[in-house]
Structures are given as structure tokens and as C-alpha cells.
Amino acid sequence: MTSEIRNKYQVVIGLEVHAQMLTKTKAYSNDINEFGAVPNTNVSAISLGHPGTLPKMNRQTIQYAIRLGIACEADIAEQQYFARKNYFYPDLPKGYQITQDTTPICTGGRIYIKTGEEGQEKAINLTRIHMEEDAGKSMHDIDIYDTLVDLNRAGVPLLEIVSEPDLRSSQEAYNYVTEIRKLVRYLGICDGNMEEGSLRCDANISVMLKDAKEFGVKVEVKNMNSIRNVQKAIEFEIERQIEAIENGEIIRQETRSFDALNSRTISMRSKEAANDYRFFPEPDLQPIRVTKDQIDSVRAKMPELPRDLYIKYTTEFGLSSYDAYNLTDTKEIALYYQRVIQDTKNYKAAANWIMGDVKSFLNNQGLEITDFPIEPSTIASLIKIIDEGKISSTTASQKIFPELLKGENNNPLEIAESMNLIQDSNDDTIQAFIQEVIDNNPTEIERYKNGEKQLVGFFMGQLMRTSKGKADPKVAKKLMSETLNQL
């Protein structure tokens, strides 16, 4: 497709993100909520839909929903009712899903996404966040003749986050899901693992001519098991719809599945109406009332969120947008950084160490920051002796950091002293080293006098070699410059 044809159209995207809650038990029963158990073991008469069984609300799900609503700046409903969502569920035995229809726990709110390298952001408005239960899992690839069903997931608590159609590209959709995953992880309410299905996304996509007054017919795409696949599925669907319109075809409202192997969408079923479900009031669950005191109690225990930390790091700490974004990419990295800067105010140096040597070690070893063997206070101590001019950054990285990783001594200064690495800042001592360099390199000195000023780098290298790396680079550079200018 040519860019000329593509640019005739405006893309409109809305996303529905389902986040499984990290509760110990399911939404309406005491069945264990645990991924990876033997199929059909985390079940009971309630999740199996036996007649006469009654659901009971999991209070932790309500707390998690309030936490997410506060983080998204949403309005939290005081009175809420549950509904039965009737649809053909082959993997939900009772034949309906307990959800919220007319009274979602949260309405409105927004998710902020990055739209540029310099920290520009865009607010994606939310329609609602509501509580519901998950269905079981149908498995089509184990038996060549039959579809098997694992009901361990049936009844697991979900929060569904529904956006307004505010997204305008597959990249914005990618950034949006990334921010939601980051947010639920910071809040500790969902592990965000799309490969395991604990975070799932459905995309509603339409295209229209840029001068059109109404949105085009939307198509829903399901079954995307990674954020990258969300982007790929949307990109394919955009091109498919534009090509169809250009060829005079009519876009019909339907649900499509994403074939990750071939990077394309496949039609699953048509939708005759925007809402093809039947909702009835849930008679077996009492209405929920959320008080202001409950909301205030949750708010008081909220952790610092990634956007708040990003703003703090760029405004108060003076870090670049790149540094701040990387430091807040995961909650664990942000927490480690927070602990480092409790003992040092050199915010930039702390950021450089974490994004440089620390992350490099973690990547090489295949470890997470929670497994890193050096305490944050030790990194702060290392920064301190560098700032005091006792060692250079190069010495710290190449000599002391590897020793700290061994775990035998966690005192950077003691290691520096034992390895005879303490820098010499004495002017007389360094001047003697400079004179030795001058005496040993007469040819280069003549070239310098004749205008080859770039040789100052060579002389500094010779100086550091002569001093065995112990000359304070700042003092040495100043004295070397002064000495050379006097020749």
C-alpha cells in the first residue's frame, strides 16, 4: 500500500484490556487462584456451576479495583450491582459470566502514554473499569480430535479496562498497553504476563477518510498474547480495511482472531449488533457500597506510580526523559534507584550506575534486580568516593565493582585501599609525573609546540600510565594544560 493511499485515512482504535487479579482465591469462591496448576484441580462445586451453589464476593478484588481507579483518576461509584452476562461459554460451566453492566466500579479516568522522546504525552480517556470473572481455557492443540477444557481459570477475578476510541495508531496502542501493564505491576494487582494470559487485550479498529464526520465500522480483534502482537494485529487490520474500502468492499462488524504465525487476522464470527450479549441482574450477590472512607484508606496506602516518579526525576532531579523513562520501566528498578538516592544526592551518577554496570551485569547473568547481590547503599558509597576524588569512575567500574559482586567485602573504600587504588590529588606529586611524561616524549612535545594541540590526549594517557592510574584526572588535566601552555 502506498503512503499516499494510507494518508487518506484516519485510524480509530479503542482497546479493552483484561487484567487478572493477584488474589489468593477466585472472584466468587474459595477456589485457589494459581497459574500453572494441574488442569481442573483448582475447582469446586461453585466454579463448576453445580445447581444450588451461591457465589460470595472476594473483597480483595474490590480493593484492587479502587486502587486502579485512583491511579487512573477515575470516578468510583458508591453503589454498584452485578449482572449475569449470558453468552455461549463452552468453558464457563454455569453458562453466564458474573460481571458489572450498568454500574461499573470506575467510570472515566485516563491513561497517559508517551508520544515522543522528550517526554511528550497524550491522555487516553477511559470509558469504564469493571469487575468480572474469567472463563476457563479451551485447548485445541493437545488432542487432534477434541478440544479440551481446563476450568482452573474459570472464576478468576478480572478487571476490564475499556478505553474511549482515542488511539490513532498501532504505536499508540502499543504504548497504551505498555503503560497499563506497568501500572498494574506498580500497584501490585496483576503480574501483567500476557504470555500466561494474565493480561489480555481486545482491539476495536476502524478507519475513515480524514474529512469524514463519522467513524467507520469497527472490527474487534482478539487473541493477542504479547504487546508486540497487539501492534502487529492492528497494523494488519488497518491495511486490510483500507484496501477493502479502496476496492469498493463494505466493512462489516465482526470479531476476528489474530494468527501470530502468519501475522494476519482471521474472521471468527459476525456481529449483528454492537452488543451481542444478554444481561440480567445477578440475584445471588448483594449490591456493593463503596464509602469515601474506604477510598481514602486505599489512597493512603498507594505506592508512588511510574508517571509521578517520571515527573519527579525529570523536574526535581534534573534527569533526562530517557533516563527517567528507563528508571521507571519496572517497579523493581525504580525501588532500587529510590534506595540508592536515599544515601546520595548525585541523582545522575546513581542513574548511570543502574542503567550501565548494574543492568549490564543483570542482562549477562539473566537475573532480575531483585537478585542483584550489591545493596543500594553500597552503590551510593561507591558514588561517594568517586565524588570525593578518591577513585575515578573507570577504576570504580573496572576494579571495584567486580570485587563488590564477589560479595566478600561490601565497603568500596576498603577495597580501593587494599588494592592501592586511591587517587593522588597532590599537586606536587602529579607535577612530577607530568615532568616525567615530558622528558620521555620529546618528539611529541615538539609536535605539540608546532601546533598539534590534539596531542594533549596522548599526554594524559601517558600520565595516567606513569601514575598507574592513581593521578586524580581532574587535577591532572588542569596541571597538564597549564604545563603544556608554558612550554
Protein backbone atom coordinates (compact mmCIF):
# COMPACT_ATOMS: atom_id res chain seq x y z
CA MET A 1 0.00 0.00 0.00
CA THR A 2 1.36 3.39 -0.95
CA SER A 3 1.79 6.12 1.65
CA GLU A 4 -0.49 8.32 -0.48
CA ILE A 5 -3.41 5.92 -0.04
CA ARG A 6 -2.63 5.30 3.63
CA ASN A 7 -2.54 9.02 4.39
CA LYS A 8 -6.09 9.50 3.06
CA TYR A 9 -7.44 7.67 6.11
CA GLN A 10 -7.72 8.28 9.83
CA VAL A 11 -7.36 5.27 12.13
CA VAL A 12 -9.60 5.00 15.20
CA ILE A 13 -8.75 2.46 17.90
CA GLY A 14 -10.28 1.56 21.25
CA LEU A 15 -8.86 -1.14 23.50
CA GLU A 16 -10.36 -3.46 26.09
CA VAL A 17 -7.72 -4.76 28.48
CA HIS A 18 -8.48 -7.61 30.88
CA ALA A 19 -6.21 -7.88 33.92
CA GLN A 20 -6.30 -10.97 36.14
CA MET A 21 -6.11 -10.04 39.80
CA LEU A 22 -3.34 -11.36 42.07
CA THR A 23 -5.78 -12.59 44.69
CA LYS A 24 -5.27 -15.85 46.54
CA THR A 25 -8.75 -17.10 45.68
CA LYS A 26 -11.21 -16.66 42.83
CA ALA A 27 -13.73 -13.88 42.40
CA TYR A 28 -16.79 -15.57 43.91
CA SER A 29 -15.49 -18.73 45.58
CA ASN A 30 -12.67 -20.04 47.76
CA ASP A 31 -11.03 -21.90 44.87
CA ILE A 32 -7.30 -21.23 44.62
CA ASN A 33 -6.25 -18.62 42.06
CA GLU A 34 -2.97 -20.00 40.77
CA PHE A 35 -1.42 -20.26 37.31
CA GLY A 36 0.19 -23.50 36.17
CA ALA A 37 -1.66 -26.00 38.36
CA VAL A 38 -2.67 -29.41 37.02
CA PRO A 39 -5.74 -28.87 34.80
CA ASN A 40 -9.12 -28.92 36.54
CA THR A 41 -7.72 -29.10 40.09
CA ASN A 42 -8.45 -25.54 41.28
CA VAL A 43 -12.19 -26.09 41.04
CA SER A 44 -15.17 -26.69 43.29
CA ALA A 45 -18.94 -27.06 43.05
CA ILE A 46 -19.20 -23.26 42.67
CA SER A 47 -16.79 -22.84 39.76
CA LEU A 48 -18.22 -25.98 38.17
CA GLY A 49 -21.66 -24.37 38.19
CA HIS A 50 -23.46 -27.03 40.20
CA PRO A 51 -27.14 -26.27 40.89
CA GLY A 52 -27.85 -24.73 44.29
CA THR A 53 -24.40 -23.17 44.78
CA LEU A 54 -24.10 -19.49 45.66
CA PRO A 55 -21.28 -17.02 44.86
CA LYS A 56 -19.59 -14.93 47.54
CA MET A 57 -17.76 -11.69 46.68
CA ASN A 58 -13.96 -11.56 47.04
CA ARG A 59 -13.34 -8.32 48.97
CA GLN A 60 -9.75 -8.07 47.73
CA THR A 61 -10.99 -7.59 44.16
CA ILE A 62 -12.91 -4.50 45.29
CA GLN A 63 -9.78 -3.09 46.95
CA TYR A 64 -7.75 -3.71 43.79
CA ALA A 65 -10.40 -2.04 41.61
CA ILE A 66 -10.41 1.03 43.87
CA ARG A 67 -6.61 1.13 43.73
CA LEU A 68 -6.64 1.08 39.92
CA GLY A 69 -9.43 3.66 39.78
CA ILE A 70 -7.45 6.07 41.95
CA ALA A 71 -4.34 5.56 39.82
CA CYS A 72 -6.33 6.31 36.65
CA GLU A 73 -8.05 9.40 38.15
CA ALA A 74 -11.43 7.72 37.63
CA ASP A 75 -14.72 8.29 39.44
CA ILE A 76 -15.52 5.44 41.82
CA ALA A 77 -19.18 4.53 42.15
CA GLU A 78 -20.69 4.42 45.61
CA GLN A 79 -23.49 1.94 44.77
CA GLN A 80 -22.89 -0.99 42.45
CA TYR A 81 -24.84 -4.00 41.26
CA PHE A 82 -23.76 -7.18 39.50
CA ALA A 83 -25.21 -8.73 36.38
CA ARG A 84 -25.22 -12.02 34.55
CA LYS A 85 -23.73 -11.79 31.08
CA ASN A 86 -25.34 -14.56 29.05
CA TYR A 87 -23.47 -15.87 26.07
CA PHE A 88 -22.30 -19.24 24.76
CA TYR A 89 -19.42 -20.07 27.10
CA PRO A 90 -18.03 -23.56 26.36
CA ASP A 91 -15.50 -23.07 29.18
CA LEU A 92 -17.72 -21.43 31.84
CA PRO A 93 -19.94 -24.24 33.17
CA LYS A 94 -22.80 -22.18 34.58
CA GLY A 95 -23.37 -20.62 31.16
CA TYR A 96 -23.05 -16.97 32.17
CA GLN A 97 -20.41 -14.60 33.47
CA ILE A 98 -20.88 -12.56 36.63
CA THR A 99 -19.89 -9.01 35.71
CA GLN A 100 -20.89 -5.36 36.11
CA ASP A 101 -23.15 -3.88 33.46
CA THR A 102 -24.89 -0.61 34.31
CA THR A 103 -22.86 0.21 37.44
CA PRO A 104 -19.13 -0.30 36.81
CA ILE A 105 -16.96 0.40 39.85
CA CYS A 106 -15.00 3.06 37.93
CA THR A 107 -16.05 5.47 35.21
CA GLY A 108 -13.96 7.98 33.31
CA GLY A 109 -10.29 8.44 34.09
CA ARG A 110 -7.30 8.34 31.79
CA ILE A 111 -4.04 6.63 30.96
CA TYR A 112 -1.10 8.81 29.89
CA ILE A 113 1.09 7.49 27.10
CA LYS A 114 4.43 8.74 25.79
CA THR A 115 4.29 10.18 22.29
CA GLY A 116 7.88 11.41 21.86
CA GLU A 117 11.43 11.06 23.09
CA GLU A 118 11.32 14.32 25.04
CA GLY A 119 8.53 13.23 27.35
CA GLN A 120 5.55 14.47 25.37
CA GLU A 121 2.44 12.61 26.45
CA LYS A 122 -1.16 12.09 25.43
CA ALA A 123 -4.11 11.30 27.69
CA ILE A 124 -6.16 8.30 26.56
CA ASN A 125 -9.58 8.60 28.16
CA LEU A 126 -11.25 5.62 29.76
CA THR A 127 -14.90 4.68 29.45
CA ARG A 128 -15.03 2.38 32.47
CA ILE A 129 -13.29 -0.19 34.64
CA HIS A 130 -15.43 -3.02 35.93
CA MET A 131 -15.07 -6.24 37.91
CA GLU A 132 -15.92 -9.64 36.46
CA GLU A 133 -14.80 -13.25 36.37
CA ASP A 134 -12.69 -15.06 33.81
CA ALA A 135 -13.76 -18.06 31.77
CA GLY A 136 -11.88 -21.35 31.59
CA LYS A 137 -9.37 -22.13 28.89
CA SER A 138 -10.12 -24.14 25.75
CA MET A 139 -7.10 -26.02 24.40
CA HIS A 140 -7.15 -27.03 20.75
CA ASP A 141 -3.59 -28.28 20.30
CA ILE A 142 -3.34 -31.22 22.73
CA ASP A 143 -5.81 -33.69 21.23
CA ILE A 144 -6.02 -33.93 17.42
CA TYR A 145 -9.71 -34.82 17.54
CA ASP A 146 -11.15 -32.92 20.50
CA THR A 147 -10.93 -29.55 22.19
CA LEU A 148 -10.02 -29.93 25.86
CA VAL A 149 -11.14 -27.56 28.61
CA ASP A 150 -9.19 -26.51 31.71
CA LEU A 151 -11.51 -24.88 34.26
CA ASN A 152 -8.78 -23.72 36.65
CA ARG A 153 -9.14 -20.21 35.21
CA ALA A 154 -12.95 -20.19 35.44
CA GLY A 155 -13.93 -17.69 38.10
CA VAL A 156 -10.55 -15.94 38.37
CA PRO A 157 -11.17 -12.24 39.17
CA LEU A 158 -10.70 -9.76 36.33
CA LEU A 159 -10.70 -6.02 35.93
CA GLU A 160 -11.72 -4.93 32.44
CA ILE A 161 -10.31 -1.56 31.40
CA VAL A 162 -12.22 -0.06 28.47
CA SER A 163 -10.77 2.93 26.64
CA GLU A 164 -12.50 5.57 24.60
CA PRO A 165 -11.66 5.42 20.85
CA ASP A 166 -8.82 7.89 21.39
CA LEU A 167 -5.91 5.91 19.93
CA ARG A 168 -4.82 6.85 16.43
CA SER A 169 -2.05 4.41 15.52
CA SER A 170 -0.72 0.95 16.28
CA GLN A 171 2.25 2.59 18.04
CA GLU A 172 -0.07 4.48 20.38
CA ALA A 173 -1.87 1.21 21.12
CA TYR A 174 1.48 -0.41 21.88
CA ASN A 175 2.40 2.42 24.25
CA TYR A 176 -1.03 2.29 25.90
CA VAL A 177 -0.89 -1.43 26.73
CA THR A 178 2.71 -0.97 27.89
CA GLU A 179 1.61 1.75 30.33
CA ILE A 180 -1.29 -0.35 31.66
CA ARG A 181 1.00 -3.32 32.23
CA LYS A 182 3.48 -1.09 34.02
CA LEU A 183 0.71 0.48 36.12
CA VAL A 184 -0.90 -2.77 37.32
CA ARG A 185 2.55 -4.11 38.22
CA TYR A 186 3.38 -1.00 40.25
CA LEU A 187 0.02 -1.33 42.02
CA GLY A 188 0.70 -5.00 42.75
CA ILE A 189 -2.70 -6.08 41.46
CA CYS A 190 -1.66 -8.08 38.36
CA ASP A 191 1.63 -9.58 37.15
CA GLY A 192 0.96 -8.34 33.60
CA ASN A 193 2.18 -11.55 31.97
CA MET A 194 0.48 -11.66 28.57
CA GLU A 195 2.11 -14.97 27.63
CA GLU A 196 0.35 -16.62 30.59
CA GLY A 197 -2.90 -14.81 29.84
CA SER A 198 -2.98 -12.71 32.99
CA LEU A 199 -3.16 -9.58 30.83
CA ARG A 200 -5.20 -9.81 27.64
CA CYS A 201 -6.25 -7.23 25.10
CA ASP A 202 -9.06 -6.92 22.55
CA ALA A 203 -8.78 -4.18 19.95
CA ASN A 204 -11.64 -2.36 18.22
CA ILE A 205 -10.34 -0.89 14.98
CA SER A 206 -11.93 1.23 12.28
CA VAL A 207 -10.74 3.55 9.53
CA MET A 208 -12.37 6.56 7.92
CA LEU A 209 -11.45 9.23 5.41
CA LYS A 210 -9.75 12.14 7.15
CA ASP A 211 -12.53 14.56 6.23
CA ALA A 212 -15.32 12.15 7.29
CA LYS A 213 -17.70 13.17 10.08
CA GLU A 214 -18.44 9.68 11.40
CA PHE A 215 -16.27 6.78 12.48
CA GLY A 216 -16.03 3.77 10.20
CA VAL A 217 -17.41 0.31 11.05
CA LYS A 218 -15.31 -1.18 13.82
CA VAL A 219 -13.86 -4.66 13.79
CA GLU A 220 -12.86 -6.43 17.02
CA VAL A 221 -9.61 -8.41 17.10
CA LYS A 222 -8.94 -10.96 19.86
CA ASN A 223 -6.27 -13.48 20.92
CA MET A 224 -3.12 -11.37 21.05
CA ASN A 225 -0.63 -12.77 23.54
CA SER A 226 2.00 -10.03 23.55
CA ILE A 227 2.13 -6.25 23.27
CA ARG A 228 4.06 -6.57 20.03
CA ASN A 229 1.31 -8.78 18.62
CA VAL A 230 -1.28 -6.16 19.56
CA GLN A 231 0.65 -3.72 17.40
CA LYS A 232 1.04 -6.22 14.55
CA ALA A 233 -2.64 -7.19 14.58
CA ILE A 234 -3.75 -3.55 14.48
CA GLU A 235 -1.33 -2.72 11.68
CA PHE A 236 -2.56 -5.65 9.59
CA GLU A 237 -6.19 -4.75 10.22
CA ILE A 238 -5.63 -1.11 9.26
CA GLU A 239 -4.20 -2.10 5.91
CA ARG A 240 -6.85 -4.79 5.34
CA GLN A 241 -9.69 -2.35 5.94
CA ILE A 242 -8.18 0.43 3.79
CA GLU A 243 -7.57 -1.98 0.91
CA ALA A 244 -11.14 -3.28 1.19
CA ILE A 245 -12.59 0.24 1.10
CA GLU A 246 -10.36 1.20 -1.83
CA ASN A 247 -11.66 -1.87 -3.69
CA GLY A 248 -15.27 -0.86 -3.08
CA GLU A 249 -15.94 -3.52 -0.45
CA ILE A 250 -18.10 -2.98 2.63
CA ILE A 251 -16.52 -3.38 6.07
CA ARG A 252 -18.81 -5.46 8.27
CA GLN A 253 -18.85 -5.52 12.04
CA GLU A 254 -17.24 -8.76 13.13
CA THR A 255 -14.88 -10.44 15.55
CA ARG A 256 -11.54 -11.59 14.20
CA SER A 257 -8.71 -13.64 15.67
CA PHE A 258 -5.01 -12.83 15.27
CA ASP A 259 -2.86 -15.52 13.67
CA ALA A 260 0.56 -14.69 15.16
CA LEU A 261 2.36 -17.25 12.99
CA ASN A 262 1.33 -15.50 9.78
CA SER A 263 0.80 -12.01 11.26
CA ARG A 264 -2.76 -11.71 9.98
CA THR A 265 -6.31 -11.59 11.31
CA ILE A 266 -8.94 -14.25 10.57
CA SER A 267 -12.71 -13.86 10.76
CA MET A 268 -14.29 -15.70 13.69
CA ARG A 269 -17.90 -14.54 13.72
CA SER A 270 -20.06 -11.65 12.59
CA LYS A 271 -21.73 -9.21 14.97
CA GLU A 272 -25.25 -8.19 14.06
CA ALA A 273 -25.33 -5.59 16.82
CA ALA A 274 -22.76 -3.71 18.85
CA ASN A 275 -23.78 -5.65 21.93
CA ASP A 276 -24.47 -9.32 21.28
CA TYR A 277 -24.81 -10.31 24.94
CA ARG A 278 -27.86 -10.55 27.19
CA PHE A 279 -27.56 -9.03 30.66
CA PHE A 280 -29.77 -9.82 33.64
CA PRO A 281 -29.44 -8.64 37.26
CA GLU A 282 -27.40 -11.09 39.38
CA PRO A 283 -29.82 -12.19 42.14
CA ASP A 284 -27.28 -14.09 44.27
CA LEU A 285 -24.82 -11.25 45.01
CA GLN A 286 -25.69 -8.32 47.23
CA PRO A 287 -25.09 -4.78 45.93
CA ILE A 288 -21.75 -3.23 46.87
CA ARG A 289 -21.38 0.11 48.61
CA VAL A 290 -18.01 1.87 48.46
CA THR A 291 -17.62 4.67 51.02
CA LYS A 292 -15.36 7.70 50.93
CA ASP A 293 -13.53 6.30 53.97
CA GLN A 294 -12.75 3.12 52.04
CA ILE A 295 -11.38 5.11 49.11
CA ASP A 296 -9.29 7.32 51.42
CA SER A 297 -7.93 4.22 53.18
CA VAL A 298 -6.80 2.73 49.86
CA ARG A 299 -5.40 6.07 48.69
CA ALA A 300 -3.27 6.37 51.84
CA LYS A 301 -1.54 3.08 51.03
CA MET A 302 -0.91 3.78 47.35
CA PRO A 303 2.68 3.39 46.12
CA GLU A 304 4.41 6.05 44.04
CA LEU A 305 3.29 5.49 40.46
CA PRO A 306 5.53 5.47 37.37
CA ARG A 307 4.22 8.74 35.95
CA ASP A 308 4.69 10.52 39.29
CA LEU A 309 8.24 9.19 39.56
CA TYR A 310 8.95 10.18 35.95
CA ILE A 311 7.84 13.76 36.66
CA LYS A 312 9.90 13.86 39.87
CA TYR A 313 13.03 12.53 38.16
CA THR A 314 12.86 14.99 35.26
CA THR A 315 11.82 18.09 37.23
CA GLU A 316 13.32 17.72 40.72
CA PHE A 317 16.32 15.54 39.89
CA GLY A 318 17.13 17.06 36.50
CA LEU A 319 17.36 13.71 34.73
CA SER A 320 16.72 13.39 31.02
CA SER A 321 13.47 11.97 29.71
CA TYR A 322 15.40 8.89 28.56
CA ASP A 323 16.92 8.29 32.00
CA ALA A 324 13.63 8.80 33.82
CA TYR A 325 11.70 6.51 31.48
CA ASN A 326 14.22 3.69 31.85
CA LEU A 327 14.42 4.03 35.62
CA THR A 328 10.64 3.77 35.93
CA ASP A 329 10.27 0.98 33.38
CA THR A 330 9.82 -1.60 36.13
CA LYS A 331 8.78 -1.17 39.73
CA GLU A 332 11.77 -3.15 40.99
CA ILE A 333 14.32 -0.96 39.18
CA ALA A 334 12.57 2.18 40.45
CA LEU A 335 12.60 0.87 44.02
CA TYR A 336 16.31 0.07 43.78
CA TYR A 337 17.04 3.56 42.47
CA GLN A 338 14.94 5.09 45.24
CA ARG A 339 17.01 3.23 47.82
CA VAL A 340 20.31 4.34 46.21
CA ILE A 341 19.38 8.02 46.31
CA GLN A 342 18.49 7.76 49.99
CA ASP A 343 22.26 7.82 50.57
CA THR A 344 23.47 10.05 47.74
CA LYS A 345 22.15 13.19 46.08
CA ASN A 346 24.15 12.62 42.91
CA TYR A 347 21.00 11.54 41.06
CA LYS A 348 22.64 11.40 37.64
CA ALA A 349 25.51 9.19 38.82
CA ALA A 350 23.04 6.85 40.52
CA ALA A 351 21.04 6.62 37.30
CA ASN A 352 24.20 5.96 35.25
CA TRP A 353 25.31 3.13 37.51
CA ILE A 354 21.93 1.39 37.42
CA MET A 355 21.40 1.76 33.67
CA GLY A 356 25.05 0.95 32.94
CA ASP A 357 27.06 -1.50 35.03
CA VAL A 358 24.15 -2.87 37.06
CA LYS A 359 21.83 -3.59 34.11
CA SER A 360 24.71 -4.94 32.06
CA PHE A 361 25.51 -7.46 34.79
CA LEU A 362 21.85 -8.44 35.15
CA ASN A 363 21.44 -8.94 31.40
CA ASN A 364 24.62 -11.00 31.11
CA GLN A 365 23.61 -13.21 34.02
CA GLY A 366 19.92 -13.43 33.12
CA LEU A 367 18.93 -12.02 36.54
CA GLU A 368 16.34 -9.58 37.84
CA ILE A 369 17.24 -6.58 40.00
CA THR A 370 15.74 -8.41 42.99
CA ASP A 371 18.58 -10.95 42.63
CA PHE A 372 21.34 -8.33 42.36
CA PRO A 373 24.00 -9.04 45.02
CA ILE A 374 25.07 -5.46 45.75
CA GLU A 375 23.00 -3.42 48.19
CA PRO A 376 21.78 0.03 47.05
CA SER A 377 23.65 1.67 49.96
CA THR A 378 26.89 0.15 48.64
CA ILE A 379 26.34 1.71 45.21
CA ALA A 380 25.77 5.03 47.00
CA SER A 381 29.07 4.56 48.89
CA LEU A 382 30.84 3.87 45.61
CA ILE A 383 29.44 7.09 44.14
CA LYS A 384 30.56 8.96 47.26
CA ILE A 385 34.25 8.04 46.97
CA ILE A 386 34.18 8.90 43.26
CA ASP A 387 32.67 12.31 44.04
CA GLU A 388 35.33 12.84 46.71
CA GLY A 389 38.03 12.27 44.09
CA LYS A 390 39.42 9.20 45.83
CA ILE A 391 38.96 6.98 42.77
CA SER A 392 37.98 7.53 39.15
CA SER A 393 34.77 6.30 37.56
CA THR A 394 36.82 3.99 35.35
CA THR A 395 38.58 2.45 38.33
CA ALA A 396 35.28 2.04 40.12
CA SER A 397 33.73 0.26 37.15
CA GLN A 398 36.69 -1.92 36.15
CA LYS A 399 38.27 -2.74 39.51
CA ILE A 400 35.96 -2.14 42.47
CA PHE A 401 32.57 -3.11 41.02
CA PRO A 402 33.77 -6.66 40.14
CA GLU A 403 35.09 -7.05 43.69
CA LEU A 404 31.75 -5.95 45.14
CA LEU A 405 30.00 -8.56 43.02
CA LYS A 406 32.01 -11.29 44.73
CA GLY A 407 30.30 -10.36 47.99
CA GLU A 408 33.41 -10.76 50.15
CA ASN A 409 33.61 -7.07 51.08
CA ASN A 410 30.82 -4.52 50.65
CA ASN A 411 32.92 -1.46 51.54
CA PRO A 412 34.17 0.26 48.33
CA LEU A 413 36.68 2.43 50.20
CA GLU A 414 38.29 -0.54 51.94
CA ILE A 415 38.54 -2.36 48.61
CA ALA A 416 40.13 0.68 46.98
CA GLU A 417 42.65 0.99 49.79
CA SER A 418 43.51 -2.71 49.84
CA MET A 419 44.08 -2.68 46.06
CA ASN A 420 46.14 0.53 46.25
CA LEU A 421 43.68 2.37 44.01
CA ILE A 422 43.24 5.62 45.93
CA GLN A 423 43.92 8.57 43.62
CA ASP A 424 46.66 11.07 44.32
CA SER A 425 45.39 14.65 44.26
CA ASN A 426 48.64 16.22 45.48
CA ASP A 427 49.77 18.89 43.02
CA ASP A 428 53.50 18.28 43.58
CA THR A 429 53.21 14.54 43.06
CA ILE A 430 51.19 14.92 39.87
CA GLN A 431 53.54 17.64 38.59
CA ALA A 432 56.42 15.20 38.97
CA PHE A 433 54.53 12.66 36.85
CA ILE A 434 53.86 15.35 34.23
CA GLN A 435 57.54 16.25 34.06
CA GLU A 436 58.42 12.57 33.58
CA VAL A 437 55.97 12.37 30.66
CA ILE A 438 57.50 15.48 29.08
CA ASP A 439 61.05 14.16 29.49
CA ASN A 440 60.13 10.77 27.98
CA ASN A 441 58.31 12.15 24.91
CA PRO A 442 60.48 14.91 23.35
CA THR A 443 59.28 14.23 19.79
CA GLU A 444 55.63 14.58 20.74
CA ILE A 445 56.42 17.74 22.75
CA GLU A 446 57.96 19.34 19.66
CA ARG A 447 54.90 18.37 17.59
CA TYR A 448 52.65 19.93 20.27
CA LYS A 449 54.69 23.14 20.17
CA ASN A 450 54.28 23.18 16.39
CA GLY A 451 50.51 23.27 16.69
CA GLU A 452 49.33 19.64 17.14
CA LYS A 453 47.21 20.51 20.16
CA GLN A 454 45.25 17.26 19.93
CA LEU A 455 48.30 15.53 21.45
CA VAL A 456 47.08 16.62 24.89
CA GLY A 457 45.01 13.40 24.93
CA PHE A 458 48.18 11.39 24.31
CA PHE A 459 49.97 13.14 27.16
CA MET A 460 47.09 12.50 29.55
CA GLY A 461 47.17 8.82 28.62
CA GLN A 462 50.90 8.72 29.29
CA LEU A 463 50.37 10.50 32.59
CA MET A 464 47.76 8.00 33.79
CA ARG A 465 50.07 5.14 32.74
CA THR A 466 53.03 6.67 34.53
CA SER A 467 50.99 7.22 37.70
CA LYS A 468 49.47 3.73 37.34
CA GLY A 469 46.03 5.30 37.21
CA LYS A 470 46.37 6.95 40.59
CA ALA A 471 46.58 10.57 39.47
CA ASP A 472 43.32 12.45 40.01
CA PRO A 473 42.13 13.07 36.40
CA LYS A 474 40.59 16.47 37.17
CA VAL A 475 43.69 17.80 38.90
CA ALA A 476 45.97 16.14 36.35
CA LYS A 477 44.16 17.63 33.37
CA LYS A 478 44.35 21.11 34.83
CA LEU A 479 48.06 20.85 35.66
CA MET A 480 48.89 19.23 32.33
CA SER A 481 47.15 22.02 30.43
CA GLU A 482 48.95 24.68 32.44
CA THR A 483 52.35 22.99 31.97
CA LEU A 484 51.96 22.48 28.23
CA ASN A 485 50.88 26.12 27.74
CA GLN A 486 54.09 27.26 29.43
CA LEU A 487 56.37 25.30 27.07
